[in-house]
Amino acid sequence: MAEDAGAADRGAWSRECAVFTRYLTGAPPADAVTAHYLELRPTIPAGPTPDAVDRMLLSVARTSPAAARMADAYCRIVRPESAVRQALVLLLAILENSPPTDLWLNRSAPNGPAGVVAGVAGRLALFALLLGAGIVVLGPPHLFQRALGRR
């Protein structure tokens, strides 16, 4: 029975790696990235066992790169130490040290001051939009789960 749970976890983590890699890079993960992620994923969460809110946020984030982006924005403000954020940080560390994504993630593009300001403004606007969507979509179930947990 425990082996079945481990296989199920590995399957979920493999899909999670694929979705989160597409969110972070726009491309599927290399086999080595998936292997490293599966090796290190059992270390998450660093801390107590995920509660119902963390499990809900992870299940939403695993559905698609767009859902992962929304869950990331929501968790960044509302639940910064969530398992979602920990998994994304772990994967980003792996991607930064794995070819070919290391070159893409560590590059710098010469844009000049106006390009930098426009890029930051665009990212801030996208973050605000995603945070608003996250509050509308993830806020009510989050509050509901917390209310159930207090009973």
Foldseek 3Di string as FASTA:
>chain_A
DVVVVLVVVLVLQLLQQQQLCCLVPVDGDDPVLSVVLSVCVVCPPVDDDAAPLLVVLSVQLSPHSLSLLLSCLQCVPPPVSGSSNVSSVVSVVSLCVDPPSVCVVPDDDPDPPVRVVVVVVVVVVVSVVSNVVCCVPSVVVSVVSVVVVVD
